Protein backbone atom coordinates (compact mmCIF):
# COMPACT_ATOMS: atom_id res chain seq x y z
CA UNK A 1 -84.31 48.68 -38.54
CA UNK A 2 -87.86 47.44 -37.95
CA UNK A 3 -88.23 46.69 -41.64
CA UNK A 4 -84.92 44.83 -41.67
CA UNK A 5 -85.96 42.70 -38.70
CA UNK A 6 -89.30 41.89 -40.33
CA UNK A 7 -87.67 40.97 -43.63
CA UNK A 8 -85.33 38.55 -41.86
CA UNK A 9 -88.03 37.13 -39.57
CA UNK A 10 -86.35 38.46 -36.43
CA UNK A 11 -87.98 39.72 -33.24
CA UNK A 12 -87.08 43.40 -32.97
CA UNK A 13 -86.46 44.22 -29.29
CA UNK A 14 -84.70 47.62 -29.46
CA UNK A 15 -82.56 48.83 -26.58
CA UNK A 16 -84.09 51.93 -25.01
CA UNK A 17 -81.01 52.93 -22.96
CA UNK A 18 -79.98 55.35 -25.71
CA UNK A 19 -83.05 57.58 -25.69
CA UNK A 20 -84.61 56.70 -22.27
CA UNK A 21 -87.79 58.53 -23.26
CA UNK A 22 -91.39 57.35 -23.24
CA UNK A 23 -92.13 59.94 -25.94
CA UNK A 24 -89.41 58.54 -28.22
CA UNK A 25 -90.66 55.06 -27.34
CA UNK A 26 -93.91 55.93 -29.07
CA UNK A 27 -91.99 56.26 -32.35
CA UNK A 28 -91.12 52.58 -31.92
CA UNK A 29 -94.73 51.63 -31.23
CA UNK A 30 -95.61 53.30 -34.52
CA UNK A 31 -93.12 50.91 -36.17
CA UNK A 32 -94.85 47.90 -34.62
CA UNK A 33 -92.46 47.30 -31.71
CA UNK A 34 -94.00 45.49 -28.71
CA UNK A 35 -90.93 44.22 -26.79
CA UNK A 36 -87.99 46.29 -25.56
CA UNK A 37 -84.58 46.09 -23.90
CA UNK A 38 -83.34 48.26 -21.01
CA UNK A 39 -80.21 48.42 -18.88
CA UNK A 40 -81.55 48.80 -15.33
CA UNK A 41 -84.46 47.97 -13.07
CA UNK A 42 -85.16 51.72 -12.77
CA UNK A 43 -85.44 51.98 -16.56
CA UNK A 44 -87.66 48.91 -16.70
CA UNK A 45 -90.01 50.42 -14.11
CA UNK A 46 -90.16 53.69 -16.03
CA UNK A 47 -91.16 52.06 -19.31
CA UNK A 48 -93.52 49.63 -17.59
CA UNK A 49 -95.39 52.66 -16.22
CA UNK A 50 -95.71 53.87 -19.82
CA UNK A 51 -97.35 50.70 -21.06
CA UNK A 52 -94.44 48.46 -22.08
CA UNK A 53 -95.12 44.98 -20.73
CA UNK A 54 -92.42 42.81 -22.37
CA UNK A 55 -89.01 43.98 -21.15
CA UNK A 56 -85.53 42.43 -21.02
CA UNK A 57 -83.01 43.91 -18.58
CA UNK A 58 -79.83 43.25 -20.57
CA UNK A 59 -77.27 43.57 -17.81
CA UNK A 60 -76.27 40.78 -15.41
CA UNK A 61 -78.78 40.71 -12.60
CA UNK A 62 -78.00 42.71 -9.47
CA UNK A 63 -79.20 40.43 -6.70
CA UNK A 64 -79.44 43.41 -4.31
CA UNK A 65 -82.48 44.50 -6.35
CA UNK A 66 -84.37 41.24 -5.89
CA UNK A 67 -87.35 42.88 -4.15
CA UNK A 68 -87.80 45.41 -6.96
CA UNK A 69 -87.39 42.62 -9.53
CA UNK A 70 -90.07 40.47 -7.89
CA UNK A 71 -92.43 43.43 -7.69
CA UNK A 72 -91.95 44.30 -11.36
CA UNK A 73 -92.25 40.67 -12.49
CA UNK A 74 -95.74 40.57 -10.96
CA UNK A 75 -96.86 43.29 -13.37
CA UNK A 76 -95.11 42.55 -16.68
CA UNK A 77 -93.36 39.88 -18.70
CA UNK A 78 -89.79 40.39 -17.44
CA UNK A 79 -86.57 38.79 -18.71
CA UNK A 80 -83.35 38.77 -16.68
CA UNK A 81 -79.73 38.07 -17.53
CA UNK A 82 -77.20 35.89 -15.70
CA UNK A 83 -73.60 34.93 -16.36
CA UNK A 84 -72.33 33.40 -13.14
CA UNK A 85 -73.20 30.70 -10.63
CA UNK A 86 -73.38 33.04 -7.62
CA UNK A 87 -76.12 35.24 -9.07
CA UNK A 88 -77.97 32.22 -10.44
CA UNK A 89 -77.99 30.58 -7.00
CA UNK A 90 -79.42 33.71 -5.41
CA UNK A 91 -82.06 34.06 -8.12
CA UNK A 92 -83.15 30.45 -7.69
CA UNK A 93 -83.47 31.06 -3.96
CA UNK A 94 -85.31 34.38 -3.95
CA UNK A 95 -87.30 34.76 -7.21
CA UNK A 96 -91.01 34.44 -6.44
CA UNK A 97 -92.67 35.89 -9.52
CA UNK A 98 -92.34 34.30 -12.97
CA UNK A 99 -89.37 35.60 -14.98
CA UNK A 100 -87.65 34.68 -18.22
CA UNK A 101 -83.91 34.08 -18.04
CA UNK A 102 -81.17 34.58 -20.60
CA UNK A 103 -77.63 33.29 -20.15
CA UNK A 104 -75.17 35.92 -21.36
CA UNK A 105 -72.45 34.74 -23.74
CA UNK A 106 -69.16 36.57 -24.27
CA UNK A 107 -68.50 36.49 -28.01
CA UNK A 108 -65.39 38.69 -27.87
CA UNK A 109 -66.27 41.90 -26.06
CA UNK A 110 -64.68 40.63 -22.82
CA UNK A 111 -66.93 42.63 -20.52
CA UNK A 112 -69.39 40.13 -19.06
CA UNK A 113 -70.70 36.76 -20.14
CA UNK A 114 -69.58 33.14 -20.35
CA UNK A 115 -67.33 32.12 -23.23
CA UNK A 116 -69.25 29.96 -25.69
CA UNK A 117 -66.70 27.17 -25.27
CA UNK A 118 -67.27 26.95 -21.49
CA UNK A 119 -70.25 24.63 -21.78
CA UNK A 120 -69.53 23.11 -18.36
CA UNK A 121 -70.30 26.49 -16.78
CA UNK A 122 -73.50 26.75 -18.79
CA UNK A 123 -74.51 23.23 -17.73
CA UNK A 124 -74.00 24.22 -14.08
CA UNK A 125 -76.38 27.16 -14.53
CA UNK A 126 -79.00 24.88 -16.03
CA UNK A 127 -78.92 22.66 -12.95
CA UNK A 128 -79.65 25.68 -10.76
CA UNK A 129 -82.36 27.04 -13.09
CA UNK A 130 -84.30 23.81 -12.67
CA UNK A 131 -84.52 24.37 -8.91
CA UNK A 132 -87.07 27.18 -9.23
CA UNK A 133 -90.16 26.65 -11.42
CA UNK A 134 -90.76 30.43 -11.55
CA UNK A 135 -87.64 30.77 -13.73
CA UNK A 136 -88.09 30.00 -17.42
CA UNK A 137 -84.96 29.64 -19.53
CA UNK A 138 -85.35 31.84 -22.62
CA UNK A 139 -82.07 31.36 -24.45
CA UNK A 140 -78.63 32.82 -25.07
CA UNK A 141 -77.94 36.54 -25.32
CA UNK A 142 -74.83 38.40 -26.43
CA UNK A 143 -73.69 41.96 -26.98
CA UNK A 144 -70.93 42.01 -29.59
CA UNK A 145 -69.63 45.30 -28.23
CA UNK A 146 -66.17 44.73 -29.69
CA UNK A 147 -67.60 45.90 -33.03
CA UNK A 148 -67.22 49.41 -31.56
CA UNK A 149 -63.44 48.90 -31.59
CA UNK A 150 -63.39 47.90 -35.27
CA UNK A 151 -61.11 49.89 -37.55
CA UNK A 152 -62.97 49.03 -40.77
CA UNK A 153 -66.38 47.83 -41.92
CA UNK A 154 -64.70 44.56 -42.89
CA UNK A 155 -63.73 44.04 -39.24
CA UNK A 156 -67.34 44.57 -38.18
CA UNK A 157 -68.40 41.85 -40.63
CA UNK A 158 -65.74 39.52 -39.23
CA UNK A 159 -66.65 40.16 -35.59
CA UNK A 160 -70.33 39.67 -36.34
CA UNK A 161 -69.82 36.41 -38.22
CA UNK A 162 -67.56 35.05 -35.46
CA UNK A 163 -70.23 35.88 -32.86
CA UNK A 164 -72.88 34.34 -35.09
CA UNK A 165 -70.97 31.05 -35.31
CA UNK A 166 -70.52 30.88 -31.55
CA UNK A 167 -74.18 31.53 -30.84
CA UNK A 168 -75.35 29.06 -33.48
CA UNK A 169 -73.09 26.43 -31.98
CA UNK A 170 -74.71 26.85 -28.57
CA UNK A 171 -78.17 26.80 -30.07
CA UNK A 172 -77.41 23.55 -31.84
CA UNK A 173 -75.95 21.97 -28.69
CA UNK A 174 -78.87 22.80 -26.38
CA UNK A 175 -81.84 22.83 -28.75
CA UNK A 176 -82.77 19.23 -27.94
CA UNK A 177 -83.17 19.90 -24.21
CA UNK A 178 -84.59 23.41 -24.66
CA UNK A 179 -86.50 23.35 -27.96
CA UNK A 180 -87.89 26.89 -27.54
CA UNK A 181 -84.58 28.61 -26.75
CA UNK A 182 -83.76 31.73 -28.73
CA UNK A 183 -80.56 33.52 -29.70
CA UNK A 184 -80.55 37.27 -29.03
CA UNK A 185 -77.85 39.58 -30.44
CA UNK A 186 -77.46 43.31 -29.93
CA UNK A 187 -75.07 45.97 -31.21
CA UNK A 188 -75.72 48.83 -33.58
CA UNK A 189 -72.64 48.53 -35.87
CA UNK A 190 -73.27 44.96 -37.04
CA UNK A 191 -77.04 45.26 -37.12
CA UNK A 192 -76.78 48.40 -39.22
CA UNK A 193 -74.59 46.94 -41.97
CA UNK A 194 -74.64 43.12 -41.78
CA UNK A 195 -77.17 40.94 -43.61
CA UNK A 196 -76.41 37.42 -42.32
CA UNK A 197 -78.50 36.60 -39.24
CA UNK A 198 -78.92 32.87 -39.82
CA UNK A 199 -79.70 31.18 -36.50
CA UNK A 200 -80.55 34.48 -34.74
CA UNK A 201 -84.07 34.96 -33.38
CA UNK A 202 -83.91 38.47 -31.89
CA UNK A 203 -81.94 41.70 -32.36
CA UNK A 204 -81.52 44.50 -29.78
CA UNK A 205 -79.77 47.56 -31.31
CA UNK A 206 -80.15 50.87 -29.46
CA UNK A 207 -77.76 53.61 -30.57
CA UNK A 208 -79.16 53.61 -34.12
CA UNK A 209 -82.16 55.69 -33.01
CA UNK A 210 -79.88 58.77 -33.08
CA UNK A 211 -76.45 57.48 -34.24
CA UNK A 212 -73.40 59.70 -33.56
CA UNK A 213 -69.86 60.50 -34.73
CA UNK A 214 -68.52 57.18 -33.43
CA UNK A 215 -71.03 55.25 -35.53
CA UNK A 216 -70.16 57.46 -38.51
CA UNK A 217 -66.48 56.63 -38.12
CA UNK A 218 -67.31 52.93 -37.88
CA UNK A 219 -69.31 53.12 -41.09
CA UNK A 220 -72.63 52.24 -39.42
CA UNK A 221 -74.39 55.33 -40.77
CA UNK A 222 -74.16 58.32 -43.05
CA UNK A 223 -73.62 61.81 -41.69
CA UNK A 224 -77.24 62.75 -42.47
CA UNK A 225 -78.42 59.91 -40.18
CA UNK A 226 -77.03 61.54 -37.02
CA UNK A 227 -80.13 62.96 -35.36
CA UNK A 228 -78.90 64.54 -32.14
CA UNK A 229 -77.17 67.79 -31.16
CA UNK A 230 -76.20 69.47 -27.91
CA UNK A 231 -77.12 73.18 -28.09
CA UNK A 232 -74.64 75.33 -26.14
CA UNK A 233 -74.24 79.08 -25.49
CA UNK A 234 -70.98 80.77 -26.50
CA UNK A 235 -69.49 82.55 -23.47
CA UNK A 236 -65.96 83.64 -24.53
CA UNK A 237 -63.64 84.11 -27.54
CA UNK A 238 -59.84 84.05 -27.53
CA UNK A 239 -58.48 85.23 -30.86
CA UNK A 240 -54.84 84.91 -29.81
CA UNK A 241 -55.19 81.13 -29.80
CA UNK A 242 -58.22 80.70 -32.10
CA UNK A 243 -60.33 79.16 -29.34
CA UNK A 244 -63.94 79.70 -28.30
CA UNK A 245 -65.45 78.72 -24.97
CA UNK A 246 -68.96 77.29 -24.72
CA UNK A 247 -71.20 76.58 -21.75
CA UNK A 248 -71.26 72.83 -22.26
CA UNK A 249 -68.70 70.50 -20.73
CA UNK A 250 -68.10 66.94 -19.64
CA UNK A 251 -71.27 66.81 -17.50
CA UNK A 252 -73.32 67.65 -20.59
CA UNK A 253 -71.68 65.71 -23.41
CA UNK A 254 -69.30 63.21 -21.68
CA UNK A 255 -65.63 62.80 -22.50
CA UNK A 256 -65.96 60.14 -25.19
CA UNK A 257 -63.77 61.03 -28.14
CA UNK A 258 -62.50 59.86 -31.51
CA UNK A 259 -59.22 60.71 -33.22
CA UNK A 260 -59.48 63.75 -35.45
CA UNK A 261 -57.69 64.33 -38.76
CA UNK A 262 -54.94 66.18 -36.86
CA UNK A 263 -54.31 63.15 -34.64
CA UNK A 264 -55.86 64.80 -31.57
CA UNK A 265 -59.00 63.93 -29.60
CA UNK A 266 -62.26 65.20 -31.08
CA UNK A 267 -65.19 65.40 -28.65
CA UNK A 268 -67.73 66.80 -31.10
CA UNK A 269 -68.27 68.59 -34.41
CA UNK A 270 -69.76 72.06 -34.71
CA UNK A 271 -72.88 73.40 -36.43
CA UNK A 272 -73.42 77.19 -36.50
CA UNK A 273 -76.41 79.23 -37.64
CA UNK A 274 -76.03 82.00 -40.18
CA UNK A 275 -79.39 83.71 -40.71
CA UNK A 276 -81.85 80.96 -41.57
CA UNK A 277 -79.11 78.58 -42.65
CA UNK A 278 -77.12 76.09 -40.61
CA UNK A 279 -73.50 75.45 -41.47
CA UNK A 280 -71.55 72.31 -40.55
CA UNK A 281 -67.94 73.33 -39.95
CA UNK A 282 -65.27 70.93 -41.18
CA UNK A 283 -63.11 68.80 -38.88
CA UNK A 284 -60.47 71.52 -38.62
CA UNK A 285 -63.04 73.18 -36.36
CA UNK A 286 -64.02 70.94 -33.45
CA UNK A 287 -64.65 70.52 -29.74
CA UNK A 288 -61.09 69.88 -28.60
CA UNK A 289 -61.28 69.94 -24.80
CA UNK A 290 -63.58 70.12 -21.81
CA UNK A 291 -63.74 70.86 -18.12
CA UNK A 292 -66.77 70.05 -15.99
CA UNK A 293 -69.01 72.88 -17.27
CA UNK A 294 -67.09 74.38 -20.21
CA UNK A 295 -65.99 73.20 -23.63
CA UNK A 296 -63.21 74.56 -25.83
CA UNK A 297 -63.75 74.87 -29.58
CA UNK A 298 -60.67 74.97 -31.79
CA UNK A 299 -61.61 77.24 -34.71
CA UNK A 300 -59.64 78.08 -37.85
CA UNK A 301 -58.70 81.69 -38.55
CA UNK A 302 -60.97 81.59 -41.62
CA UNK A 303 -64.07 80.59 -39.63
CA UNK A 304 -63.41 82.42 -36.36
CA UNK A 305 -65.76 85.29 -37.30
CA UNK A 306 -68.72 82.91 -37.71
CA UNK A 307 -69.18 82.47 -33.94
CA UNK A 308 -69.75 85.27 -31.45
CA UNK A 309 -70.37 85.55 -27.71
CA UNK A 310 -74.08 85.01 -27.07
CA UNK A 311 -74.56 82.70 -30.07
CA UNK A 312 -75.87 79.16 -29.74
CA UNK A 313 -73.79 76.47 -31.39
CA UNK A 314 -74.81 72.86 -31.94
CA UNK A 315 -72.35 70.14 -30.96
CA UNK A 316 -72.71 66.77 -32.69
CA UNK A 317 -71.66 64.24 -30.04
CA UNK A 318 -69.24 61.34 -30.34
CA UNK A 319 -71.54 59.14 -28.22
CA UNK A 320 -75.23 59.98 -28.30
CA UNK A 321 -76.18 57.55 -25.50
CA UNK A 322 -74.09 59.35 -22.88
CA UNK A 323 -75.00 62.84 -24.08
CA UNK A 324 -78.72 62.08 -23.94
CA UNK A 325 -78.41 60.48 -20.50
CA UNK A 326 -76.50 63.46 -19.11
CA UNK A 327 -78.96 66.04 -20.41
CA UNK A 328 -82.18 64.40 -19.26
CA UNK A 329 -84.61 65.64 -21.96
CA UNK A 330 -84.87 66.70 -25.60
CA UNK A 331 -86.30 69.36 -27.83
CA UNK A 332 -87.22 68.33 -31.36
CA UNK A 333 -86.38 70.54 -34.31
CA UNK A 334 -90.05 71.57 -34.23
CA UNK A 335 -89.68 72.78 -30.62
CA UNK A 336 -91.56 69.94 -28.92
CA UNK A 337 -90.21 69.00 -25.48
CA UNK A 338 -89.61 65.26 -24.97
CA UNK A 339 -88.99 64.24 -21.34
CA UNK A 340 -86.80 61.31 -20.32
CA UNK A 341 -86.48 59.16 -17.22
CA UNK A 342 -86.42 61.67 -14.32
CA UNK A 343 -82.88 62.35 -13.12
CA UNK A 344 -81.72 63.48 -9.68
CA UNK A 345 -80.73 66.82 -11.20
CA UNK A 346 -80.88 68.27 -14.70
CA UNK A 347 -78.69 70.86 -16.39
CA UNK A 348 -80.56 73.81 -17.82
CA UNK A 349 -77.62 75.61 -19.42
CA UNK A 350 -77.57 73.30 -22.43
CA UNK A 351 -80.05 70.92 -23.97
CA UNK A 352 -80.07 67.88 -26.20
CA UNK A 353 -81.91 68.14 -29.47
CA UNK A 354 -83.34 65.22 -31.41
CA UNK A 355 -84.44 65.69 -35.00
CA UNK A 356 -87.55 63.77 -36.02
């Protein structure tokens, strides 16, 4: 991804909300990354303490955190995100330390952001921005998250190009008044497979660091690119219904799912160890259900003997971001422990594994 950004003359500002680890962040430094994206003030503070001094918090500003924001902005180059007049008014009133400011644009995800056509709303924000000299307008930012709902790669291309046109239109409209404004786009599906970034200045993908089954289904990656597993103990077998119970449930892997070949929800695929070999079971064998602590594996009669009570199985997650966040740390395939942002409590019964 770093090479792609360099080849297209784009600033590479990867989103660290997927891995949330200073140790993994060093992999990005090795690739020449100097600016990052996060999704909370807490995350920004964590990475600032580990030497990152150019950080964008890519979620609409929470004005209740203004004291923490001012404190952090004294120490690093901090960029914030706004999408409504109320938050902008409060920022203009209370920001004391210099900050950069992006206006979030909704290019089709329909979560947060101003529609690109609502230029009157954007103009209103500009009038408020000018009231506080500590606020520097940086540009327009979007997350084309609707690419995650695409049914085909062709749809991802279409969603990306539509977002590109909307962002380029805004850039053209406001470039005269704000000659240094930039366009920032971020989503793993389009930035993994698309090649047209004309008019874009910055990309912020995050999930690509590990990928997952959802990205595989979207066509963003190959199976070999998925670099994360949840390692779970086997605690029960039920031959009468060809099901196996693991110690690893919704609080470890989340309840994100995709539709399996049998039309039912698949929460993860299964890797088992046989001697020194690892075997990926096909999609007829899968994590089919979960409670808080336990998961249920549906196993074919042919493969039922491969898994026994006391074994460790590896679950390939549907959504690596949530699985990593829930677990709180990693072990590499070489056995190295990689800590993450400290959580209130961690689960020791299972662990996330990242392959380097």
